[in-house]
C-alpha cells in the first residue's frame, strides 16, 4: 500500500495567443500588400519551407507599404509580450512573410539566436496546412512512453505528442523560439498566408 501518493507535472512551456481586434477591417489590404511585396522580393527557399515562398527580407516591417498595418500588428505584438512578464527589454529583430501555395509545407524547426518567435495567421484554413507544435523538447520525449500512454491522460496534462493551437485569420501567437513547430501540407489550390517574427531579449 502507498501513502501520500501524488503526481507532479513539471516544466510547462508558455504560449500566448490572442485575436487582433478588427482584423477583418484591414485583412484584404494586408493581403494585397503582401502579393505586391512578393513581386519585388525573390524569396528564400529551403529554410523550413518546402515549396511556397518566404520573403528574403527579414525586415518587412520597414517597408513603406507596411506602414498602414504597423499600429495594429506591432502594437499587438507588444501587448501579447506582456503575458510573459519579461523583466528585460525586448526587441523585434526580424519579421518576414510566408505564402504557401498548393502542396507546400514547413518541416519541423526552431528559430535560432533569439528567445521568442511568433506568427500571425492572415489567410488560412486547416486544409491549407495546420500549424503544429511538436513535443520534442518537454514532457514525454520518449516515443515509446508517448505512444503507450492513454491519450486522454496526455491531453489532460498537456503532454500530447503534438499540439495544434486554436486560431483563425487575425490570430497572433508568441512562443519560445526553441519550441519545435511545423506547418502541414497545403491540400487546397489556395494560398496560405502568414507573417512570422522573432524577438530578442537584451
N, C-alpha and C. Protein backbone atom coordinates (compact mmCIF):
# COMPACT_ATOMS: atom_id res chain seq x y z
N UNK A 1 0.84 -1.21 0.00
CA UNK A 1 0.00 0.00 0.00
C UNK A 1 0.87 1.25 0.00
N UNK A 2 0.36 2.30 -0.65
CA UNK A 2 1.11 3.55 -0.77
C UNK A 2 0.51 4.63 0.11
N UNK A 3 1.36 5.49 0.63
CA UNK A 3 0.93 6.68 1.37
C UNK A 3 1.37 7.93 0.62
N UNK A 4 0.61 9.03 0.77
CA UNK A 4 0.98 10.33 0.21
C UNK A 4 1.25 10.26 -1.29
N UNK A 5 0.43 9.52 -2.00
CA UNK A 5 0.61 9.37 -3.44
C UNK A 5 0.20 10.65 -4.18
N UNK A 6 1.06 11.11 -5.06
CA UNK A 6 0.74 12.27 -5.90
C UNK A 6 1.60 12.23 -7.14
N UNK A 7 1.11 12.87 -8.18
CA UNK A 7 1.88 13.01 -9.42
C UNK A 7 2.18 14.49 -9.62
N UNK A 8 3.41 14.78 -10.02
CA UNK A 8 3.82 16.14 -10.33
C UNK A 8 4.01 16.27 -11.84
N UNK A 9 3.59 17.42 -12.41
CA UNK A 9 3.75 17.66 -13.83
C UNK A 9 4.64 18.90 -13.97
N UNK A 10 5.87 18.67 -14.42
CA UNK A 10 6.92 19.67 -14.32
C UNK A 10 7.16 20.45 -15.62
N UNK A 11 7.69 21.65 -15.46
CA UNK A 11 8.28 22.46 -16.53
C UNK A 11 7.34 22.77 -17.70
N UNK A 12 6.24 23.44 -17.45
CA UNK A 12 5.37 23.83 -18.57
C UNK A 12 6.04 24.89 -19.44
N UNK A 13 5.61 25.00 -20.67
CA UNK A 13 6.11 26.00 -21.62
C UNK A 13 4.97 26.95 -21.96
N UNK A 14 5.23 28.24 -21.84
CA UNK A 14 4.18 29.22 -22.09
C UNK A 14 4.05 29.55 -23.57
N UNK A 15 2.83 29.57 -24.04
CA UNK A 15 2.48 30.04 -25.38
C UNK A 15 1.35 31.04 -25.22
N UNK A 16 1.52 32.25 -25.72
CA UNK A 16 0.50 33.30 -25.60
C UNK A 16 -0.17 33.51 -26.95
N UNK A 17 -1.49 33.58 -26.95
CA UNK A 17 -2.23 33.66 -28.21
C UNK A 17 -3.46 34.56 -28.02
N UNK A 18 -3.77 35.35 -29.06
CA UNK A 18 -4.91 36.26 -28.99
C UNK A 18 -5.34 36.63 -30.40
N UNK A 19 -6.52 37.22 -30.51
CA UNK A 19 -7.03 37.69 -31.80
C UNK A 19 -6.86 39.21 -31.89
N UNK A 20 -6.38 39.68 -33.03
CA UNK A 20 -6.26 41.12 -33.25
C UNK A 20 -7.65 41.70 -33.50
N UNK A 21 -7.98 42.69 -32.72
CA UNK A 21 -9.30 43.31 -32.83
C UNK A 21 -9.48 43.97 -34.20
N UNK A 22 -10.63 43.78 -34.80
CA UNK A 22 -10.97 44.40 -36.08
C UNK A 22 -10.03 44.00 -37.22
N UNK A 23 -9.46 42.79 -37.14
CA UNK A 23 -8.54 42.34 -38.18
C UNK A 23 -9.20 42.33 -39.55
N UNK A 24 -10.47 41.98 -39.60
CA UNK A 24 -11.19 41.91 -40.88
C UNK A 24 -11.21 43.25 -41.60
N UNK A 25 -11.10 44.35 -40.82
CA UNK A 25 -11.16 45.68 -41.42
C UNK A 25 -9.98 45.96 -42.34
N UNK A 26 -8.82 45.32 -42.07
CA UNK A 26 -7.65 45.59 -42.91
C UNK A 26 -7.06 44.32 -43.52
N UNK A 27 -7.72 43.18 -43.35
CA UNK A 27 -7.21 41.91 -43.87
C UNK A 27 -6.99 41.95 -45.38
N UNK A 28 -7.97 42.39 -46.14
CA UNK A 28 -7.84 42.41 -47.60
C UNK A 28 -6.71 43.32 -48.06
N UNK A 29 -6.57 44.48 -47.43
CA UNK A 29 -5.49 45.40 -47.79
C UNK A 29 -4.13 44.79 -47.45
N UNK A 30 -4.05 44.08 -46.34
CA UNK A 30 -2.81 43.43 -45.95
C UNK A 30 -2.42 42.35 -46.96
N UNK A 31 -3.39 41.56 -47.37
CA UNK A 31 -3.13 40.51 -48.36
C UNK A 31 -2.68 41.13 -49.69
N UNK A 32 -3.33 42.21 -50.09
CA UNK A 32 -2.95 42.89 -51.33
C UNK A 32 -1.51 43.37 -51.26
N UNK A 33 -1.13 43.98 -50.13
CA UNK A 33 0.25 44.45 -49.97
C UNK A 33 1.24 43.29 -50.02
N UNK A 34 0.91 42.17 -49.40
CA UNK A 34 1.80 41.02 -49.39
C UNK A 34 2.08 40.52 -50.81
N UNK A 35 1.06 40.43 -51.63
CA UNK A 35 1.26 39.99 -53.01
C UNK A 35 2.08 41.01 -53.81
N UNK A 36 1.88 42.30 -53.53
CA UNK A 36 2.69 43.33 -54.18
C UNK A 36 4.15 43.22 -53.73
N UNK A 37 4.34 42.97 -52.45
CA UNK A 37 5.70 42.82 -51.91
C UNK A 37 6.37 41.59 -52.52
N UNK A 38 5.61 40.52 -52.68
CA UNK A 38 6.14 39.27 -53.22
C UNK A 38 6.70 39.45 -54.63
N UNK A 39 6.11 40.36 -55.40
CA UNK A 39 6.56 40.60 -56.78
C UNK A 39 7.98 41.15 -56.82
N UNK A 40 8.39 41.90 -55.78
CA UNK A 40 9.71 42.54 -55.80
C UNK A 40 10.72 41.84 -54.89
N UNK A 41 10.30 40.78 -54.23
CA UNK A 41 11.18 40.04 -53.32
C UNK A 41 11.34 38.62 -53.85
N UNK A 42 12.58 38.24 -54.16
CA UNK A 42 12.83 36.93 -54.78
C UNK A 42 12.50 35.77 -53.86
N UNK A 43 12.56 36.00 -52.57
CA UNK A 43 12.21 34.95 -51.61
C UNK A 43 13.35 34.00 -51.31
N UNK A 44 13.18 33.24 -50.25
CA UNK A 44 14.14 32.22 -49.82
C UNK A 44 13.45 30.87 -49.92
N UNK A 45 14.14 29.90 -50.43
CA UNK A 45 13.59 28.54 -50.46
C UNK A 45 14.44 27.63 -49.60
N UNK A 46 13.84 26.57 -49.12
CA UNK A 46 14.53 25.51 -48.40
C UNK A 46 15.20 26.00 -47.12
N UNK A 47 14.48 26.81 -46.34
CA UNK A 47 14.87 27.05 -44.94
C UNK A 47 14.08 26.01 -44.14
N UNK A 48 12.89 26.33 -43.73
CA UNK A 48 12.00 25.28 -43.22
C UNK A 48 10.93 24.98 -44.26
N UNK A 49 10.75 25.93 -45.20
CA UNK A 49 9.67 25.78 -46.18
C UNK A 49 10.06 24.84 -47.32
N UNK A 50 9.13 23.98 -47.68
CA UNK A 50 9.26 23.11 -48.84
C UNK A 50 8.20 23.54 -49.84
N UNK A 51 8.66 24.15 -50.94
CA UNK A 51 7.72 24.81 -51.83
C UNK A 51 7.31 26.13 -51.19
N UNK A 52 6.40 26.82 -51.81
CA UNK A 52 5.95 28.07 -51.23
C UNK A 52 7.01 29.16 -51.32
N UNK A 53 6.70 30.30 -50.72
CA UNK A 53 7.58 31.47 -50.77
C UNK A 53 7.70 32.06 -49.38
N UNK A 54 8.95 32.39 -49.01
CA UNK A 54 9.25 33.07 -47.76
C UNK A 54 10.09 34.28 -48.13
N UNK A 55 9.71 35.46 -47.67
CA UNK A 55 10.39 36.68 -48.10
C UNK A 55 11.88 36.63 -47.75
N UNK A 56 12.68 37.10 -48.71
CA UNK A 56 14.12 37.19 -48.48
C UNK A 56 14.40 38.17 -47.36
N UNK A 57 13.69 39.28 -47.35
CA UNK A 57 13.85 40.28 -46.31
C UNK A 57 13.28 39.79 -44.99
N UNK A 58 14.02 40.02 -43.93
CA UNK A 58 13.54 39.71 -42.59
C UNK A 58 13.19 41.00 -41.84
N UNK A 59 13.05 42.08 -42.61
CA UNK A 59 12.69 43.38 -42.03
C UNK A 59 11.53 44.00 -42.81
N UNK A 60 10.52 43.20 -43.07
CA UNK A 60 9.39 43.70 -43.86
C UNK A 60 8.65 44.83 -43.14
N UNK A 61 8.83 44.93 -41.82
CA UNK A 61 8.16 45.99 -41.07
C UNK A 61 8.74 47.37 -41.40
N UNK A 62 9.89 47.41 -42.09
CA UNK A 62 10.48 48.68 -42.51
C UNK A 62 10.00 49.12 -43.88
N UNK A 63 9.27 48.25 -44.58
CA UNK A 63 8.78 48.59 -45.90
C UNK A 63 7.70 49.66 -45.80
N UNK A 64 7.72 50.59 -46.73
CA UNK A 64 6.74 51.70 -46.72
C UNK A 64 5.31 51.18 -46.77
N UNK A 65 5.10 50.09 -47.49
CA UNK A 65 3.76 49.55 -47.63
C UNK A 65 3.21 48.92 -46.36
N UNK A 66 4.11 48.64 -45.40
CA UNK A 66 3.68 48.04 -44.14
C UNK A 66 3.13 49.09 -43.17
N UNK A 67 3.43 50.36 -43.44
CA UNK A 67 3.08 51.44 -42.50
C UNK A 67 1.62 51.45 -42.07
N UNK A 68 0.64 51.24 -42.97
CA UNK A 68 -0.77 51.28 -42.53
C UNK A 68 -1.13 50.18 -41.52
N UNK A 69 -0.36 49.09 -41.53
CA UNK A 69 -0.69 47.96 -40.66
C UNK A 69 0.13 47.96 -39.36
N UNK A 70 1.16 48.79 -39.33
CA UNK A 70 2.06 48.80 -38.18
C UNK A 70 1.34 49.06 -36.85
N UNK A 71 0.44 50.03 -36.77
CA UNK A 71 -0.21 50.27 -35.48
C UNK A 71 -0.98 49.05 -34.96
N UNK A 72 -1.55 48.28 -35.86
CA UNK A 72 -2.32 47.10 -35.45
C UNK A 72 -1.41 45.92 -35.09
N UNK A 73 -0.45 45.62 -35.96
CA UNK A 73 0.36 44.42 -35.79
C UNK A 73 1.44 44.59 -34.74
N UNK A 74 2.22 45.66 -34.85
CA UNK A 74 3.31 45.86 -33.90
C UNK A 74 2.78 46.08 -32.48
N UNK A 75 1.72 46.85 -32.34
CA UNK A 75 1.15 47.05 -31.01
C UNK A 75 0.57 45.77 -30.45
N UNK A 76 0.04 44.93 -31.30
CA UNK A 76 -0.48 43.63 -30.84
C UNK A 76 0.65 42.74 -30.33
N UNK A 77 1.79 42.79 -31.02
CA UNK A 77 2.96 42.04 -30.56
C UNK A 77 3.39 42.52 -29.18
N UNK A 78 3.47 43.84 -29.02
CA UNK A 78 3.89 44.41 -27.73
C UNK A 78 2.92 44.03 -26.61
N UNK A 79 1.63 44.09 -26.91
CA UNK A 79 0.63 43.77 -25.89
C UNK A 79 0.69 42.29 -25.50
N UNK A 80 0.86 41.43 -26.49
CA UNK A 80 0.92 40.00 -26.20
C UNK A 80 2.18 39.64 -25.42
N UNK A 81 3.26 40.36 -25.67
CA UNK A 81 4.51 40.12 -24.95
C UNK A 81 4.37 40.31 -23.44
N UNK A 82 3.45 41.17 -23.04
CA UNK A 82 3.26 41.43 -21.61
C UNK A 82 2.87 40.17 -20.85
N UNK A 83 2.29 39.20 -21.55
CA UNK A 83 1.88 37.95 -20.91
C UNK A 83 3.06 37.18 -20.35
N UNK A 84 4.27 37.44 -20.87
CA UNK A 84 5.44 36.68 -20.44
C UNK A 84 6.13 37.30 -19.22
N UNK A 85 5.75 38.52 -18.86
CA UNK A 85 6.32 39.18 -17.67
C UNK A 85 7.85 39.19 -17.70
N UNK A 86 8.40 39.58 -18.84
CA UNK A 86 9.86 39.62 -19.00
C UNK A 86 10.39 40.91 -18.39
N UNK A 87 11.42 40.78 -17.55
CA UNK A 87 11.94 41.93 -16.80
C UNK A 87 12.97 42.73 -17.57
N UNK A 88 13.37 42.27 -18.75
CA UNK A 88 14.36 42.98 -19.54
C UNK A 88 13.72 43.54 -20.81
N UNK A 89 14.49 44.36 -21.52
CA UNK A 89 13.99 44.95 -22.75
C UNK A 89 13.88 43.89 -23.85
N UNK A 90 12.81 43.95 -24.60
CA UNK A 90 12.63 43.04 -25.73
C UNK A 90 12.63 43.85 -27.03
N UNK A 91 13.18 43.24 -28.08
CA UNK A 91 13.29 43.92 -29.36
C UNK A 91 12.80 43.02 -30.48
N UNK A 92 11.92 43.54 -31.31
CA UNK A 92 11.50 42.82 -32.52
C UNK A 92 12.65 42.93 -33.52
N UNK A 93 13.32 41.82 -33.80
CA UNK A 93 14.52 41.87 -34.63
C UNK A 93 14.29 41.37 -36.05
N UNK A 94 13.28 40.55 -36.26
CA UNK A 94 13.03 40.01 -37.59
C UNK A 94 11.52 39.85 -37.81
N UNK A 95 11.10 40.06 -39.05
CA UNK A 95 9.72 39.81 -39.44
C UNK A 95 9.71 39.49 -40.93
N UNK A 96 9.04 38.41 -41.30
CA UNK A 96 9.01 38.02 -42.71
C UNK A 96 7.64 37.45 -43.07
N UNK A 97 7.44 37.29 -44.37
CA UNK A 97 6.15 36.86 -44.91
C UNK A 97 6.25 35.45 -45.46
N UNK A 98 5.15 34.71 -45.36
CA UNK A 98 5.08 33.34 -45.86
C UNK A 98 3.84 33.18 -46.73
N UNK A 99 4.04 32.65 -47.94
CA UNK A 99 2.92 32.30 -48.82
C UNK A 99 3.12 30.85 -49.24
N UNK A 100 2.31 29.97 -48.70
CA UNK A 100 2.39 28.54 -49.02
C UNK A 100 1.31 28.19 -50.02
N UNK A 101 1.71 27.92 -51.25
CA UNK A 101 0.76 27.52 -52.27
C UNK A 101 0.41 26.05 -52.17
N UNK A 102 -0.28 25.51 -53.15
CA UNK A 102 -0.66 24.09 -53.13
C UNK A 102 0.56 23.18 -52.94
N UNK A 103 0.39 22.18 -52.07
CA UNK A 103 1.41 21.15 -51.79
C UNK A 103 2.63 21.68 -51.06
N UNK A 104 2.59 22.90 -50.56
CA UNK A 104 3.69 23.46 -49.79
C UNK A 104 3.52 23.16 -48.31
N UNK A 105 4.63 23.15 -47.59
CA UNK A 105 4.59 22.89 -46.15
C UNK A 105 5.89 23.36 -45.52
N UNK A 106 5.97 23.33 -44.19
CA UNK A 106 7.19 23.68 -43.45
C UNK A 106 7.55 22.52 -42.53
N UNK A 107 8.79 22.07 -42.62
CA UNK A 107 9.25 20.95 -41.79
C UNK A 107 9.44 21.42 -40.35
N UNK A 108 9.56 20.48 -39.43
CA UNK A 108 9.79 20.81 -38.02
C UNK A 108 11.07 21.62 -37.88
N UNK A 109 10.98 22.71 -37.14
CA UNK A 109 12.15 23.58 -36.99
C UNK A 109 12.02 24.44 -35.74
N UNK A 110 13.11 25.11 -35.42
CA UNK A 110 13.16 26.10 -34.34
C UNK A 110 13.74 27.38 -34.91
N UNK A 111 13.72 28.46 -34.12
CA UNK A 111 14.28 29.73 -34.57
C UNK A 111 15.54 30.02 -33.73
N UNK A 112 16.72 29.90 -34.31
CA UNK A 112 17.97 30.06 -33.54
C UNK A 112 18.30 31.52 -33.24
N UNK A 113 19.10 31.72 -32.20
CA UNK A 113 19.70 33.01 -31.86
C UNK A 113 18.71 34.07 -31.38
N UNK A 114 17.49 33.65 -31.05
CA UNK A 114 16.51 34.55 -30.45
C UNK A 114 15.80 33.79 -29.33
N UNK A 115 15.08 34.53 -28.50
CA UNK A 115 14.41 33.89 -27.36
C UNK A 115 12.93 33.58 -27.62
N UNK A 116 12.26 34.43 -28.40
CA UNK A 116 10.85 34.24 -28.67
C UNK A 116 10.59 34.34 -30.17
N UNK A 117 9.58 33.62 -30.62
CA UNK A 117 9.15 33.66 -32.01
C UNK A 117 7.64 33.84 -32.05
N UNK A 118 7.14 34.22 -33.21
CA UNK A 118 5.69 34.42 -33.29
C UNK A 118 5.18 34.27 -34.69
N UNK A 119 3.86 34.18 -34.78
CA UNK A 119 3.20 34.06 -36.08
C UNK A 119 1.85 34.79 -36.03
N UNK A 120 1.51 35.42 -37.14
CA UNK A 120 0.19 36.00 -37.34
C UNK A 120 -0.43 35.26 -38.52
N UNK A 121 -1.56 34.60 -38.29
CA UNK A 121 -2.26 33.91 -39.36
C UNK A 121 -3.12 34.92 -40.11
N UNK A 122 -2.88 35.06 -41.40
CA UNK A 122 -3.53 36.10 -42.20
C UNK A 122 -4.64 35.53 -43.07
N UNK A 123 -4.35 34.42 -43.75
CA UNK A 123 -5.36 33.77 -44.60
C UNK A 123 -5.06 32.28 -44.59
N UNK A 124 -5.96 31.49 -44.03
CA UNK A 124 -5.70 30.06 -43.88
C UNK A 124 -6.99 29.31 -43.57
N UNK A 125 -6.93 28.02 -43.81
CA UNK A 125 -7.92 27.07 -43.32
C UNK A 125 -7.14 25.84 -42.88
N UNK A 126 -7.72 24.96 -42.07
CA UNK A 126 -6.99 23.75 -41.68
C UNK A 126 -6.52 22.93 -42.88
N UNK A 127 -7.29 22.94 -43.96
CA UNK A 127 -6.92 22.17 -45.15
C UNK A 127 -5.71 22.78 -45.86
N UNK A 128 -5.42 24.04 -45.58
CA UNK A 128 -4.27 24.69 -46.19
C UNK A 128 -2.99 24.48 -45.38
N UNK A 129 -3.08 23.67 -44.33
CA UNK A 129 -1.90 23.35 -43.53
C UNK A 129 -2.01 23.85 -42.12
N UNK A 130 -2.22 22.92 -41.19
CA UNK A 130 -2.31 23.31 -39.78
C UNK A 130 -0.92 23.64 -39.23
N UNK A 131 -0.87 24.61 -38.31
CA UNK A 131 0.34 24.93 -37.56
C UNK A 131 0.40 23.99 -36.36
N UNK A 132 1.53 23.29 -36.18
CA UNK A 132 1.62 22.24 -35.17
C UNK A 132 2.87 22.42 -34.32
N UNK A 133 2.71 22.40 -32.99
CA UNK A 133 3.83 22.29 -32.07
C UNK A 133 4.12 20.81 -31.83
N UNK A 134 5.40 20.43 -31.90
CA UNK A 134 5.80 19.04 -31.64
C UNK A 134 6.40 18.92 -30.26
N UNK A 135 6.02 17.87 -29.54
CA UNK A 135 6.55 17.62 -28.20
C UNK A 135 7.89 16.90 -28.31
N UNK A 136 8.92 17.67 -28.65
CA UNK A 136 10.27 17.12 -28.77
C UNK A 136 11.21 17.68 -27.71
N UNK A 137 10.72 18.63 -26.93
CA UNK A 137 11.61 19.36 -26.03
C UNK A 137 11.20 19.27 -24.56
N UNK A 138 9.93 18.97 -24.31
CA UNK A 138 9.43 18.99 -22.94
C UNK A 138 8.59 17.76 -22.68
N UNK A 139 8.30 17.52 -21.42
CA UNK A 139 7.35 16.46 -21.07
C UNK A 139 7.81 15.09 -21.53
N UNK A 140 6.90 14.35 -22.16
CA UNK A 140 7.16 12.98 -22.57
C UNK A 140 7.90 12.98 -23.91
N UNK A 141 9.23 12.91 -23.86
CA UNK A 141 10.01 12.95 -25.09
C UNK A 141 10.26 11.56 -25.66
N UNK A 142 10.07 10.55 -24.85
CA UNK A 142 10.34 9.19 -25.30
C UNK A 142 9.17 8.67 -26.14
N UNK A 143 9.45 8.21 -27.35
CA UNK A 143 8.40 7.79 -28.27
C UNK A 143 7.59 6.64 -27.71
N UNK A 144 8.23 5.68 -27.08
CA UNK A 144 7.51 4.54 -26.52
C UNK A 144 6.58 4.98 -25.41
N UNK A 145 7.03 5.89 -24.56
CA UNK A 145 6.21 6.40 -23.46
C UNK A 145 5.00 7.16 -24.01
N UNK A 146 5.25 8.01 -25.02
CA UNK A 146 4.15 8.76 -25.63
C UNK A 146 3.11 7.85 -26.26
N UNK A 147 3.58 6.89 -27.04
CA UNK A 147 2.67 6.02 -27.79
C UNK A 147 1.99 4.97 -26.93
N UNK A 148 2.48 4.80 -25.72
CA UNK A 148 1.91 3.78 -24.85
C UNK A 148 1.01 4.35 -23.76
N UNK A 149 0.93 5.65 -23.68
CA UNK A 149 0.15 6.31 -22.63
C UNK A 149 -1.22 6.70 -23.15
N UNK A 150 -2.24 6.57 -22.29
CA UNK A 150 -3.60 6.93 -22.65
C UNK A 150 -3.66 8.37 -23.15
N UNK A 151 -4.29 8.56 -24.32
CA UNK A 151 -4.30 9.88 -24.96
C UNK A 151 -5.02 10.92 -24.10
N UNK A 152 -6.09 10.53 -23.44
CA UNK A 152 -6.83 11.49 -22.60
C UNK A 152 -5.96 11.99 -21.45
N UNK A 153 -5.14 11.10 -20.91
CA UNK A 153 -4.21 11.49 -19.84
C UNK A 153 -3.20 12.51 -20.37
N UNK A 154 -2.67 12.25 -21.57
CA UNK A 154 -1.70 13.16 -22.17
C UNK A 154 -2.33 14.52 -22.46
N UNK A 155 -3.55 14.51 -22.96
CA UNK A 155 -4.23 15.76 -23.26
C UNK A 155 -4.56 16.54 -22.00
N UNK A 156 -5.02 15.83 -20.99
CA UNK A 156 -5.42 16.48 -19.74
C UNK A 156 -4.26 17.25 -19.12
N UNK A 157 -3.08 16.67 -19.17
CA UNK A 157 -1.92 17.29 -18.53
C UNK A 157 -0.97 17.95 -19.53
N UNK A 158 -1.50 18.24 -20.74
CA UNK A 158 -0.76 18.97 -21.76
C UNK A 158 0.57 18.32 -22.11
N UNK A 159 0.53 17.01 -22.36
CA UNK A 159 1.73 16.27 -22.73
C UNK A 159 1.55 15.49 -24.03
N UNK A 160 0.71 15.94 -24.97
CA UNK A 160 0.49 15.16 -26.18
C UNK A 160 1.72 15.17 -27.09
N UNK A 161 1.79 14.24 -28.03
CA UNK A 161 2.93 14.24 -28.96
C UNK A 161 2.99 15.51 -29.80
N UNK A 162 1.83 16.10 -30.08
CA UNK A 162 1.77 17.33 -30.83
C UNK A 162 0.57 18.15 -30.34
N UNK A 163 0.64 19.45 -30.63
CA UNK A 163 -0.44 20.32 -30.19
C UNK A 163 -0.73 21.34 -31.28
N UNK A 164 -2.00 21.47 -31.65
CA UNK A 164 -2.43 22.46 -32.64
C UNK A 164 -3.21 23.54 -31.90
N UNK A 165 -2.67 24.76 -31.81
CA UNK A 165 -3.42 25.83 -31.13
C UNK A 165 -4.68 26.18 -31.90
N UNK A 166 -5.64 26.76 -31.18
CA UNK A 166 -6.87 27.21 -31.83
C UNK A 166 -6.65 28.61 -32.38
N UNK A 167 -6.79 28.74 -33.69
CA UNK A 167 -6.55 30.04 -34.31
C UNK A 167 -7.44 30.21 -35.53
N UNK A 168 -7.56 31.45 -35.97
CA UNK A 168 -8.29 31.79 -37.19
C UNK A 168 -7.56 32.98 -37.82
N UNK A 169 -8.08 33.50 -38.91
CA UNK A 169 -7.47 34.67 -39.53
C UNK A 169 -7.46 35.82 -38.52
N UNK A 170 -6.28 36.41 -38.32
CA UNK A 170 -6.16 37.51 -37.37
C UNK A 170 -5.69 37.09 -35.99
N UNK A 171 -5.44 35.79 -35.79
CA UNK A 171 -4.89 35.33 -34.52
C UNK A 171 -3.37 35.48 -34.53
N UNK A 172 -2.83 35.94 -33.41
CA UNK A 172 -1.38 36.12 -33.27
C UNK A 172 -0.90 35.30 -32.09
N UNK A 173 0.28 34.70 -32.23
CA UNK A 173 0.80 33.79 -31.21
C UNK A 173 2.28 34.06 -31.00
N UNK A 174 2.71 34.05 -29.73
CA UNK A 174 4.13 34.16 -29.38
C UNK A 174 4.51 32.97 -28.52
N UNK A 175 5.69 32.40 -28.80
CA UNK A 175 6.13 31.18 -28.11
C UNK A 175 7.65 31.15 -28.02
N UNK A 176 8.22 30.34 -27.12
CA UNK A 176 9.67 30.22 -27.05
C UNK A 176 10.24 29.77 -28.40
N UNK A 177 11.31 30.42 -28.82
CA UNK A 177 11.85 30.17 -30.16
C UNK A 177 12.41 28.77 -30.34
N UNK A 178 12.74 28.10 -29.22
CA UNK A 178 13.27 26.73 -29.33
C UNK A 178 12.18 25.67 -29.22
N UNK A 179 10.93 26.10 -29.26
CA UNK A 179 9.82 25.15 -29.25
C UNK A 179 9.59 24.67 -30.69
N UNK A 180 9.77 23.39 -30.92
CA UNK A 180 9.70 22.84 -32.27
C UNK A 180 8.30 22.97 -32.85
N UNK A 181 8.22 23.41 -34.10
CA UNK A 181 6.93 23.61 -34.75
C UNK A 181 7.05 23.37 -36.25
N UNK A 182 5.91 23.19 -36.90
CA UNK A 182 5.88 22.91 -38.33
C UNK A 182 4.52 23.33 -38.90
N UNK A 183 4.42 23.30 -40.22
CA UNK A 183 3.15 23.56 -40.90
C UNK A 183 2.87 22.41 -41.85
N UNK A 184 1.69 21.83 -41.73
CA UNK A 184 1.33 20.69 -42.57
C UNK A 184 1.10 21.11 -44.02
N UNK A 185 1.02 20.15 -44.89
CA UNK A 185 0.92 20.40 -46.33
C UNK A 185 -0.40 21.09 -46.69
N UNK A 186 -0.31 22.01 -47.63
CA UNK A 186 -1.48 22.70 -48.16
C UNK A 186 -2.16 21.79 -49.17
N UNK A 187 -3.34 21.31 -48.82
CA UNK A 187 -4.06 20.36 -49.67
C UNK A 187 -5.09 21.04 -50.56
N UNK A 188 -5.05 22.35 -50.66
CA UNK A 188 -6.01 23.10 -51.48
C UNK A 188 -5.28 23.77 -52.64
N UNK A 189 -6.04 24.48 -53.45
CA UNK A 189 -5.48 25.24 -54.56
C UNK A 189 -5.31 26.72 -54.21
N UNK A 190 -5.60 27.06 -52.95
CA UNK A 190 -5.49 28.44 -52.49
C UNK A 190 -4.20 28.64 -51.70
N UNK A 191 -3.71 29.87 -51.66
CA UNK A 191 -2.52 30.19 -50.87
C UNK A 191 -2.84 30.29 -49.39
N UNK A 192 -1.93 29.80 -48.59
CA UNK A 192 -1.96 30.01 -47.14
C UNK A 192 -0.98 31.14 -46.84
N UNK A 193 -1.43 32.17 -46.13
CA UNK A 193 -0.60 33.36 -45.90
C UNK A 193 -0.43 33.61 -44.41
N UNK A 194 0.82 33.85 -44.01
CA UNK A 194 1.10 34.17 -42.61
C UNK A 194 2.28 35.12 -42.54
N UNK A 195 2.46 35.68 -41.36
CA UNK A 195 3.57 36.59 -41.07
C UNK A 195 4.27 36.04 -39.84
N UNK A 196 5.58 35.90 -39.91
CA UNK A 196 6.36 35.37 -38.78
C UNK A 196 7.32 36.43 -38.25
N UNK A 197 7.73 36.29 -37.01
CA UNK A 197 8.65 37.26 -36.43
C UNK A 197 9.46 36.65 -35.30
N UNK A 198 10.59 37.29 -35.01
CA UNK A 198 11.48 36.88 -33.94
C UNK A 198 11.72 38.02 -32.97
N UNK A 199 11.87 37.69 -31.70
CA UNK A 199 12.06 38.69 -30.64
C UNK A 199 13.30 38.33 -29.83
N UNK A 200 14.12 39.31 -29.58
CA UNK A 200 15.35 39.14 -28.79
C UNK A 200 15.19 39.81 -27.43
N UNK A 201 15.67 39.15 -26.40
CA UNK A 201 15.69 39.73 -25.05
C UNK A 201 17.09 40.25 -24.80
N UNK A 202 17.20 41.55 -24.47
CA UNK A 202 18.52 42.17 -24.29
C UNK A 202 19.10 41.81 -22.93
